[in-house]
Amino acid sequence: MADTPTMALPLDPREQPILDTLMKVRDELTTLKQDRSTYVKSSDVLAFYDRVVEQVKILNEIRADKPQEDNRVDRVLDGCFQLLSLFFMTIGRNNEAPAAYALTSTIKRLLAHLREVDLYSEKDLTHCSHTLERLRKIVKDAEGGYSPYFITLLSNRVELCQATLTDLQNRLDRLGGDLLSIHEKLISILRSISLANTKTKFSSTEVEKLQSQLKEIDAMRVDGNFVTAGGDVPVGNEETCELLNKCLHWSEIVLQRKGKMVESFNEPYQTLIDIRNKLEKLSLTQAWSLRETDLYDYQRQLDKIDESRIDGNFVDAEGVFAELYVQRTLLYLIRRSYAYIYYLMVSSEPVSEALLPVYNQLQTLRRCLIEVKNSGGVSSPRELYPYSMKLNSIDNMRVDGKFLVGKDIPEGQGSVNDLLAECFELSYDLRVAAETDGEE
């Protein structure tokens, strides 16, 4: 398991038993996470949730007169809730309150990084805004069904993210005229340069092409300023010009360094490259290879590296602060990895991992049938025989309309049944169309 960043031990001796219990629960959750011999059952996850909430209740009673206390108990508790949250996604209960916890952590990290560097676009904020709206509804609907403490905790985390998001949105409002689209283009180019900088094989040509785009934008300026059609300097011109200069300067540095990391920072660099590459691969093969709890270790590794900074700066083993190239490269990799984790969480299907093989097969069948339909259908119903065979074999797996694993009824029955029904409907429409064309 990835190390949990260290914090001070509890001063109150009454908190020590809580810490011991939570560490035991976290270890058991980690063991369950690593066990691939069987699928995770809802009953097991709910039992762990009840054990953690019981400790929270005791902790609240102890801290009645010191609610701001923050020590290792809180960090281990956070680890337990993170794991539980990912387990709720794994069992397909994505739309229940505990599943929201890990997502709020990732959104908080992403928004904090965006605010720190002040380099983001409207697109970055829009998706987070929609996700926070969905989480707010999930938390509200969960009132009465889960521990009041946990609901309050989650609600506060959502609103904390919302406050940061609102601040970021207000900062974008300073851009007037056509500057918003120029600003968005500059952010896109800057990230493309950073991506090129961290590829296994560095390409000067790729960066030079991106640099040419920057120079085209630079040529739009009049006397060093962006102007409107009427010749006025719009609000936000100074910030946009500063961003353009940053991009040009960064492209020069990247071309000079050619993707070569300083030796003293090579270890965290290689770790972050490895995390980024693995998460990128998961984002492409998610449906077939991801167990949501796998994200826990990646997130903890990223948290540890991110929190190792001193006043926002990376420091090597000798205590020397990182230069600009190292700082920007490492931060890009951290932010990119957090973004992948966010994507993987929001893309998680509300289906238990026990049903995912069937669900994924139906997704593939659906895509194939839609492709056949869009390409003009089939000339004969016989061409649909392979699809019908597969659909019927899946349909025959059901017992009284449900997909069973042993005697258990995994979560996500509705999603799988709806997808199966849609596939049957697509197949039926194609067959009717083929028979009609044949009669004509």
Protein backbone atom coordinates (compact mmCIF):
# COMPACT_ATOMS: atom_id res chain seq x y z
CA MET A 1 0.00 0.00 0.00
CA ALA A 2 1.20 3.54 -0.70
CA ASP A 3 2.41 5.38 2.37
CA THR A 4 0.04 7.76 4.05
CA PRO A 5 1.80 11.12 4.55
CA THR A 6 2.79 11.31 8.22
CA MET A 7 1.17 13.55 10.81
CA ALA A 8 1.49 14.04 14.57
CA LEU A 9 0.15 11.29 16.83
CA PRO A 10 -2.93 12.14 18.94
CA LEU A 11 -2.19 13.94 22.21
CA ASP A 12 -5.35 12.71 23.93
CA PRO A 13 -4.76 9.08 25.01
CA ARG A 14 -8.47 8.34 24.44
CA GLU A 15 -7.88 8.76 20.69
CA GLN A 16 -5.23 6.04 20.54
CA PRO A 17 -7.74 3.11 20.50
CA ILE A 18 -9.59 4.89 17.68
CA LEU A 19 -6.36 5.23 15.72
CA ASP A 20 -5.56 1.56 16.27
CA THR A 21 -9.03 0.48 15.13
CA LEU A 22 -8.99 2.72 12.05
CA MET A 23 -5.53 1.48 11.05
CA LYS A 24 -6.80 -2.09 11.35
CA VAL A 25 -9.83 -1.27 9.20
CA ARG A 26 -7.64 0.47 6.62
CA ASP A 27 -5.33 -2.55 6.47
CA GLU A 28 -8.30 -4.89 6.04
CA LEU A 29 -9.72 -2.69 3.29
CA THR A 30 -6.33 -2.70 1.56
CA THR A 31 -6.19 -6.50 1.75
CA LEU A 32 -9.70 -6.71 0.29
CA LYS A 33 -8.68 -4.28 -2.44
CA GLN A 34 -5.78 -6.50 -3.48
CA ASP A 35 -7.83 -9.71 -3.53
CA ARG A 36 -8.75 -10.41 -7.15
CA SER A 37 -9.89 -13.98 -6.56
CA THR A 38 -13.50 -12.89 -6.08
CA TYR A 39 -15.67 -9.83 -6.62
CA VAL A 40 -16.32 -7.35 -3.80
CA LYS A 41 -19.69 -7.84 -2.10
CA SER A 42 -21.94 -4.99 -0.94
CA SER A 43 -22.46 -6.60 2.47
CA ASP A 44 -18.70 -6.55 3.16
CA VAL A 45 -18.34 -2.89 2.17
CA LEU A 46 -21.32 -1.79 4.26
CA ALA A 47 -19.93 -3.64 7.30
CA PHE A 48 -16.65 -1.72 6.96
CA TYR A 49 -18.57 1.55 6.58
CA ASP A 50 -20.48 0.89 9.83
CA ARG A 51 -17.23 0.16 11.70
CA VAL A 52 -15.65 3.43 10.54
CA VAL A 53 -18.73 5.52 11.35
CA GLU A 54 -18.83 4.01 14.85
CA GLN A 55 -15.27 5.26 15.44
CA VAL A 56 -16.23 8.68 14.08
CA LYS A 57 -19.05 8.87 16.61
CA ILE A 58 -16.65 8.11 19.48
CA LEU A 59 -14.10 10.61 18.12
CA ASN A 60 -16.71 13.37 17.94
CA GLU A 61 -17.65 12.80 21.58
CA ILE A 62 -14.01 13.05 22.64
CA ARG A 63 -13.48 16.22 20.59
CA ALA A 64 -16.68 17.95 21.60
CA ASP A 65 -14.69 20.89 23.02
CA LYS A 66 -11.87 20.85 20.38
CA PRO A 67 -13.47 20.34 16.95
CA GLN A 68 -10.44 21.80 15.11
CA GLU A 69 -8.09 19.04 16.31
CA ASP A 70 -6.14 17.51 13.43
CA ASN A 71 -3.66 14.67 13.86
CA ARG A 72 -2.84 11.22 12.50
CA VAL A 73 -6.30 9.91 13.43
CA ASP A 74 -7.79 12.33 10.89
CA ARG A 75 -5.34 11.27 8.19
CA VAL A 76 -6.01 7.56 8.69
CA LEU A 77 -9.76 8.27 8.85
CA ASP A 78 -9.45 10.08 5.54
CA GLY A 79 -7.69 7.01 4.11
CA CYS A 80 -10.54 4.78 5.30
CA PHE A 81 -13.18 7.02 3.76
CA GLN A 82 -11.18 7.25 0.52
CA LEU A 83 -11.03 3.47 0.26
CA LEU A 84 -14.67 3.03 1.23
CA SER A 85 -15.66 5.61 -1.37
CA LEU A 86 -13.81 3.72 -4.11
CA PHE A 87 -15.29 0.44 -2.88
CA PHE A 88 -18.79 1.91 -3.23
CA MET A 89 -17.92 2.65 -6.88
CA THR A 90 -16.52 -0.87 -7.31
CA ILE A 91 -19.79 -2.46 -6.13
CA GLY A 92 -21.78 -0.19 -8.46
CA ARG A 93 -23.27 2.14 -5.82
CA ASN A 94 -21.88 5.25 -7.52
CA ASN A 95 -24.93 7.36 -6.78
CA GLU A 96 -24.79 6.93 -3.01
CA ALA A 97 -23.16 9.39 -0.63
CA PRO A 98 -20.00 7.42 0.33
CA ALA A 99 -19.00 7.17 -3.35
CA ALA A 100 -18.79 10.97 -3.47
CA TYR A 101 -16.00 11.26 -0.89
CA ALA A 102 -13.02 10.30 -3.10
CA LEU A 103 -14.31 12.46 -5.94
CA THR A 104 -14.45 15.55 -3.70
CA SER A 105 -10.82 14.91 -2.71
CA THR A 106 -9.71 14.80 -6.34
CA ILE A 107 -11.74 17.88 -7.32
CA LYS A 108 -10.28 19.76 -4.35
CA ARG A 109 -6.74 18.90 -5.46
CA LEU A 110 -7.41 19.82 -9.09
CA LEU A 111 -8.98 23.18 -8.25
CA ALA A 112 -6.23 24.01 -5.74
CA HIS A 113 -3.62 23.43 -8.44
CA LEU A 114 -5.54 25.52 -10.97
CA ARG A 115 -5.74 28.39 -8.48
CA GLU A 116 -2.05 28.05 -7.60
CA VAL A 117 -0.76 28.47 -11.16
CA ASP A 118 -3.67 30.57 -12.47
CA LEU A 119 -3.50 28.66 -15.76
CA TYR A 120 -6.89 27.23 -16.69
CA SER A 121 -9.77 27.67 -19.12
CA GLU A 122 -13.56 27.73 -18.97
CA LYS A 123 -13.65 24.08 -20.11
CA ASP A 124 -11.69 23.03 -17.02
CA LEU A 125 -14.28 24.60 -14.74
CA THR A 126 -17.46 23.59 -16.57
CA HIS A 127 -17.02 19.84 -16.07
CA CYS A 128 -16.12 20.25 -12.39
CA SER A 129 -19.16 22.48 -11.93
CA HIS A 130 -21.52 19.83 -13.37
CA THR A 131 -19.90 17.13 -11.22
CA LEU A 132 -20.31 19.22 -8.04
CA GLU A 133 -23.99 19.77 -8.86
CA ARG A 134 -24.45 16.00 -9.17
CA LEU A 135 -22.60 15.35 -5.90
CA ARG A 136 -24.65 17.98 -4.10
CA LYS A 137 -27.84 16.22 -5.16
CA ILE A 138 -26.47 12.81 -4.10
CA VAL A 139 -25.58 14.17 -0.65
CA LYS A 140 -28.97 15.86 -0.24
CA ASP A 141 -30.85 12.69 -1.25
CA ALA A 142 -28.78 10.66 1.23
CA GLU A 143 -29.93 12.59 4.30
CA GLY A 144 -31.46 10.15 6.76
CA GLY A 145 -29.92 7.14 5.07
CA TYR A 146 -26.35 7.64 6.30
CA SER A 147 -24.61 8.94 9.42
CA PRO A 148 -25.46 12.66 10.02
CA TYR A 149 -21.76 13.29 10.69
CA PHE A 150 -20.76 11.76 7.37
CA ILE A 151 -23.43 13.72 5.46
CA THR A 152 -22.28 16.98 7.11
CA LEU A 153 -18.66 16.15 6.32
CA LEU A 154 -19.48 15.44 2.68
CA SER A 155 -21.65 18.54 2.34
CA ASN A 156 -18.84 20.71 3.71
CA ARG A 157 -16.35 19.15 1.29
CA VAL A 158 -18.65 19.82 -1.69
CA GLU A 159 -19.19 23.45 -0.63
CA LEU A 160 -15.45 23.94 -0.07
CA CYS A 161 -14.85 22.80 -3.66
CA GLN A 162 -17.66 25.06 -4.84
CA ALA A 163 -16.11 28.10 -3.12
CA THR A 164 -12.79 27.49 -4.92
CA LEU A 165 -14.59 26.92 -8.22
CA THR A 166 -16.56 30.17 -7.86
CA ASP A 167 -13.34 32.07 -7.16
CA LEU A 168 -11.74 30.60 -10.29
CA GLN A 169 -14.80 31.46 -12.38
CA ASN A 170 -14.73 35.05 -11.12
CA ARG A 171 -11.09 35.34 -12.14
CA LEU A 172 -11.97 34.29 -15.70
CA ASP A 173 -14.66 36.96 -15.84
CA ARG A 174 -11.90 39.60 -16.03
CA LEU A 175 -11.31 38.68 -19.70
CA GLY A 176 -13.25 40.84 -22.15
CA GLY A 177 -13.89 40.86 -25.92
CA ASP A 178 -12.35 37.92 -27.79
CA LEU A 179 -9.71 37.40 -25.11
CA LEU A 180 -11.51 34.39 -23.58
CA SER A 181 -11.07 32.33 -26.76
CA ILE A 182 -7.44 33.50 -27.14
CA HIS A 183 -6.79 32.67 -23.49
CA GLU A 184 -8.28 29.18 -23.95
CA LYS A 185 -6.12 28.59 -27.03
CA LEU A 186 -2.99 29.65 -25.14
CA ILE A 187 -3.76 27.28 -22.27
CA SER A 188 -4.24 24.44 -24.77
CA ILE A 189 -0.90 25.17 -26.47
CA LEU A 190 0.91 25.47 -23.14
CA ARG A 191 -0.35 22.04 -22.06
CA SER A 192 0.57 20.53 -25.43
CA ILE A 193 4.12 21.82 -25.01
CA SER A 194 4.27 20.30 -21.50
CA LEU A 195 2.97 17.00 -22.88
CA ALA A 196 5.62 16.99 -25.62
CA ASN A 197 8.24 17.75 -22.96
CA THR A 198 7.34 14.57 -21.02
CA LYS A 199 7.06 12.11 -23.90
CA THR A 200 9.46 9.15 -24.01
CA LYS A 201 10.92 10.43 -27.27
CA PHE A 202 11.28 14.21 -27.36
CA SER A 203 10.37 15.88 -30.68
CA SER A 204 11.75 19.37 -31.33
CA THR A 205 9.58 19.57 -34.45
CA GLU A 206 6.40 19.07 -32.40
CA VAL A 207 7.33 21.87 -30.00
CA GLU A 208 8.40 24.17 -32.85
CA LYS A 209 4.98 23.75 -34.50
CA LEU A 210 3.30 24.71 -31.23
CA GLN A 211 5.68 27.65 -30.91
CA SER A 212 4.64 28.78 -34.41
CA GLN A 213 1.01 28.88 -33.24
CA LEU A 214 2.08 31.10 -30.36
CA LYS A 215 3.87 33.44 -32.75
CA GLU A 216 0.73 33.66 -34.91
CA ILE A 217 -1.22 34.76 -31.83
CA ASP A 218 1.59 37.18 -30.95
CA ALA A 219 1.28 38.72 -34.44
CA MET A 220 -2.35 39.60 -33.66
CA ARG A 221 -1.19 42.20 -31.14
CA VAL A 222 -1.02 45.90 -31.99
CA ASP A 223 1.76 47.81 -30.24
CA GLY A 224 2.06 44.91 -27.79
CA ASN A 225 -1.68 44.77 -26.98
CA PHE A 226 -4.68 42.75 -28.08
CA VAL A 227 -7.35 45.10 -29.45
CA THR A 228 -11.02 44.89 -30.38
CA ALA A 229 -12.42 45.49 -33.87
CA GLY A 230 -12.94 49.10 -32.81
CA GLY A 231 -9.29 49.47 -31.82
CA ASP A 232 -9.88 49.45 -28.05
CA VAL A 233 -7.77 47.49 -25.57
CA PRO A 234 -10.18 45.05 -23.85
CA VAL A 235 -10.32 44.26 -20.17
CA GLY A 236 -7.89 41.44 -19.36
CA ASN A 237 -5.36 42.40 -22.03
CA GLU A 238 -2.50 42.60 -19.55
CA GLU A 239 -3.18 39.10 -18.15
CA THR A 240 -3.50 37.59 -21.64
CA CYS A 241 -0.27 39.22 -22.81
CA GLU A 242 1.47 37.91 -19.71
CA LEU A 243 0.17 34.40 -20.44
CA LEU A 244 1.38 34.61 -24.05
CA ASN A 245 4.85 35.67 -22.88
CA LYS A 246 4.88 32.75 -20.39
CA CYS A 247 4.01 30.34 -23.20
CA LEU A 248 6.73 31.70 -25.49
CA HIS A 249 9.30 31.56 -22.69
CA TRP A 250 8.27 27.99 -21.78
CA SER A 251 8.57 26.84 -25.40
CA GLU A 252 12.12 28.20 -25.54
CA ILE A 253 13.08 26.44 -22.29
CA VAL A 254 11.58 23.14 -23.45
CA LEU A 255 13.39 23.32 -26.79
CA GLN A 256 16.62 23.99 -24.95
CA ARG A 257 16.22 21.17 -22.39
CA LYS A 258 14.83 18.57 -24.84
CA GLY A 259 13.00 16.59 -22.14
CA LYS A 260 16.09 15.91 -20.02
CA MET A 261 15.46 16.01 -16.27
CA VAL A 262 18.03 17.19 -13.73
CA GLU A 263 19.65 14.18 -12.05
CA SER A 264 18.80 15.31 -8.49
CA PHE A 265 15.06 15.28 -9.35
CA ASN A 266 15.09 12.21 -11.57
CA GLU A 267 13.54 9.89 -8.95
CA PRO A 268 10.27 11.83 -8.42
CA TYR A 269 10.20 12.56 -12.16
CA GLN A 270 10.35 8.87 -13.10
CA THR A 271 7.76 8.02 -10.44
CA LEU A 272 5.38 10.65 -11.84
CA ILE A 273 6.00 9.57 -15.44
CA ASP A 274 5.17 5.99 -14.44
CA ILE A 275 1.97 7.04 -12.64
CA ARG A 276 0.88 9.27 -15.54
CA ASN A 277 1.50 6.53 -18.12
CA LYS A 278 -0.35 3.87 -16.12
CA LEU A 279 -3.34 6.15 -15.55
CA GLU A 280 -3.37 7.09 -19.24
CA LYS A 281 -3.45 3.41 -20.16
CA LEU A 282 -6.29 2.81 -17.69
CA SER A 283 -8.25 5.67 -19.24
CA LEU A 284 -8.09 3.84 -22.58
CA THR A 285 -8.91 0.35 -21.25
CA GLN A 286 -11.05 1.33 -18.26
CA ALA A 287 -14.07 -0.82 -19.03
CA TRP A 288 -12.02 -4.00 -19.07
CA SER A 289 -9.18 -3.48 -16.60
CA LEU A 290 -10.10 -0.97 -13.87
CA ARG A 291 -11.15 -1.78 -10.34
CA GLU A 292 -11.88 1.65 -8.89
CA THR A 293 -10.03 0.85 -5.66
CA ASP A 294 -6.81 0.68 -7.74
CA LEU A 295 -6.93 4.48 -7.86
CA TYR A 296 -6.26 4.70 -4.11
CA ASP A 297 -2.56 3.89 -4.37
CA TYR A 298 -2.05 6.30 -7.25
CA GLN A 299 -3.79 9.08 -5.35
CA ARG A 300 -1.77 8.46 -2.20
CA GLN A 301 1.52 8.47 -4.14
CA LEU A 302 0.56 11.76 -5.80
CA ASP A 303 -0.54 13.28 -2.48
CA LYS A 304 2.80 12.37 -0.90
CA ILE A 305 4.86 13.96 -3.70
CA ASP A 306 2.58 17.00 -3.85
CA GLU A 307 2.74 17.52 -0.09
CA SER A 308 6.54 17.17 -0.04
CA ARG A 309 6.84 20.66 -1.53
CA ILE A 310 8.12 23.49 0.67
CA ASP A 311 6.21 26.76 0.12
CA GLY A 312 5.03 25.30 -3.17
CA ASN A 313 8.52 24.39 -4.37
CA PHE A 314 10.10 20.99 -4.94
CA VAL A 315 13.32 20.38 -3.04
CA ASP A 316 16.00 17.76 -3.76
CA ALA A 317 17.75 15.51 -1.23
CA GLU A 318 20.34 18.25 -0.56
CA GLY A 319 17.67 20.85 0.23
CA VAL A 320 18.15 22.71 -3.07
CA PHE A 321 15.01 24.23 -4.59
CA ALA A 322 13.99 23.16 -8.08
CA GLU A 323 14.60 25.49 -11.01
CA LEU A 324 11.72 26.67 -13.20
CA TYR A 325 11.99 23.82 -15.74
CA VAL A 326 11.95 21.12 -13.06
CA GLN A 327 9.16 22.82 -11.09
CA ARG A 328 6.84 23.18 -14.08
CA THR A 329 7.55 19.69 -15.41
CA LEU A 330 6.83 17.94 -12.10
CA LEU A 331 3.71 20.02 -11.45
CA TYR A 332 2.40 19.27 -14.94
CA LEU A 333 2.77 15.52 -14.33
CA ILE A 334 1.03 15.75 -10.93
CA ARG A 335 -1.87 17.74 -12.34
CA ARG A 336 -2.20 15.52 -15.39
CA SER A 337 -2.35 12.44 -13.15
CA TYR A 338 -4.99 13.98 -10.88
CA ALA A 339 -6.99 14.82 -14.01
CA TYR A 340 -6.83 11.18 -15.16
CA ILE A 341 -8.01 10.01 -11.72
CA TYR A 342 -10.90 12.47 -11.89
CA TYR A 343 -11.83 11.22 -15.38
CA LEU A 344 -11.70 7.58 -14.29
CA MET A 345 -13.94 8.29 -11.28
CA VAL A 346 -16.61 10.23 -13.17
CA SER A 347 -16.55 7.62 -15.96
CA SER A 348 -17.14 4.75 -13.53
CA GLU A 349 -20.33 2.84 -14.42
CA PRO A 350 -22.94 2.19 -11.68
CA VAL A 351 -22.50 -1.55 -12.12
CA SER A 352 -20.88 -4.04 -9.74
CA GLU A 353 -17.56 -5.45 -10.93
CA ALA A 354 -19.29 -8.86 -10.80
CA LEU A 355 -21.55 -7.75 -13.68
CA LEU A 356 -18.97 -5.72 -15.60
CA PRO A 357 -17.95 -8.59 -17.96
CA VAL A 358 -21.57 -8.93 -19.10
CA TYR A 359 -22.07 -5.16 -19.16
CA ASN A 360 -18.94 -4.61 -21.24
CA GLN A 361 -19.96 -7.33 -23.72
CA LEU A 362 -23.34 -5.63 -24.13
CA GLN A 363 -21.66 -2.25 -24.61
CA THR A 364 -19.57 -3.76 -27.42
CA LEU A 365 -22.63 -5.41 -28.99
CA ARG A 366 -24.53 -2.13 -28.82
CA ARG A 367 -21.71 -0.26 -30.56
CA CYS A 368 -21.52 -2.94 -33.29
CA LEU A 369 -25.27 -2.90 -33.89
CA ILE A 370 -25.35 0.91 -34.08
CA GLU A 371 -22.44 0.84 -36.53
CA VAL A 372 -24.28 -1.72 -38.68
CA LYS A 373 -27.41 0.46 -38.59
CA ASN A 374 -25.50 3.64 -39.50
CA SER A 375 -23.74 1.91 -42.39
CA GLY A 376 -27.04 0.99 -44.05
CA GLY A 377 -28.19 -2.09 -42.15
CA VAL A 378 -28.00 -5.71 -43.37
CA SER A 379 -29.13 -7.25 -46.65
CA SER A 380 -30.46 -10.39 -44.98
CA PRO A 381 -31.68 -11.29 -41.45
CA ARG A 382 -29.13 -14.14 -41.54
CA GLU A 383 -26.34 -11.57 -41.12
CA LEU A 384 -27.71 -10.80 -37.65
CA TYR A 385 -27.39 -14.40 -36.51
CA PRO A 386 -24.06 -13.93 -34.60
CA TYR A 387 -25.52 -10.95 -32.71
CA SER A 388 -28.74 -12.79 -31.89
CA MET A 389 -26.78 -15.83 -30.66
CA LYS A 390 -24.73 -13.67 -28.30
CA LEU A 391 -27.72 -11.71 -27.03
CA ASN A 392 -29.70 -14.89 -26.36
CA SER A 393 -26.76 -16.47 -24.53
CA ILE A 394 -26.57 -13.42 -22.27
CA ASP A 395 -30.34 -13.36 -21.82
CA ASN A 396 -30.28 -17.04 -20.78
CA MET A 397 -27.88 -16.18 -17.95
CA ARG A 398 -30.74 -14.45 -16.11
CA VAL A 399 -32.73 -16.12 -13.37
CA ASP A 400 -36.19 -14.60 -12.89
CA GLY A 401 -34.98 -11.54 -14.79
CA LYS A 402 -31.83 -11.09 -12.67
CA PHE A 403 -28.15 -11.77 -13.24
CA LEU A 404 -26.87 -13.85 -10.32
CA VAL A 405 -23.36 -14.61 -9.13
CA GLY A 406 -23.79 -17.69 -6.99
CA LYS A 407 -26.77 -16.77 -4.83
CA ASP A 408 -25.90 -13.06 -4.77
CA ILE A 409 -27.66 -10.37 -6.78
CA PRO A 410 -24.92 -7.81 -7.62
CA GLU A 411 -25.65 -4.08 -7.96
CA GLY A 412 -26.38 -2.65 -11.40
CA GLN A 413 -29.17 -4.99 -12.50
CA GLY A 414 -31.18 -2.11 -13.96
CA SER A 415 -28.30 -0.77 -16.06
CA VAL A 416 -27.45 -4.21 -17.47
CA ASN A 417 -31.08 -5.11 -18.20
CA ASP A 418 -31.70 -1.75 -19.90
CA LEU A 419 -28.63 -2.25 -22.08
CA LEU A 420 -29.72 -5.79 -22.96
CA ALA A 421 -33.19 -4.54 -23.91
CA GLU A 422 -31.67 -1.79 -26.08
CA CYS A 423 -29.50 -4.35 -27.92
CA PHE A 424 -32.53 -6.59 -28.56
CA GLU A 425 -34.44 -3.58 -29.88
CA LEU A 426 -31.60 -2.59 -32.23
CA SER A 427 -31.33 -6.16 -33.50
CA TYR A 428 -35.13 -6.35 -34.02
CA ASP A 429 -35.21 -3.05 -35.95
CA LEU A 430 -32.39 -4.22 -38.22
CA ARG A 431 -34.15 -7.54 -38.87
CA VAL A 432 -37.48 -5.85 -39.69
CA ALA A 433 -35.71 -3.41 -42.03
CA ALA A 434 -33.94 -6.31 -43.82
CA GLU A 435 -37.17 -8.31 -44.19
CA THR A 436 -39.03 -5.25 -45.50
CA ASP A 437 -36.30 -4.56 -48.09
CA GLY A 438 -36.37 -8.23 -49.10
CA GLU A 439 -40.12 -8.14 -49.75
CA GLU A 440 -39.76 -5.05 -51.92
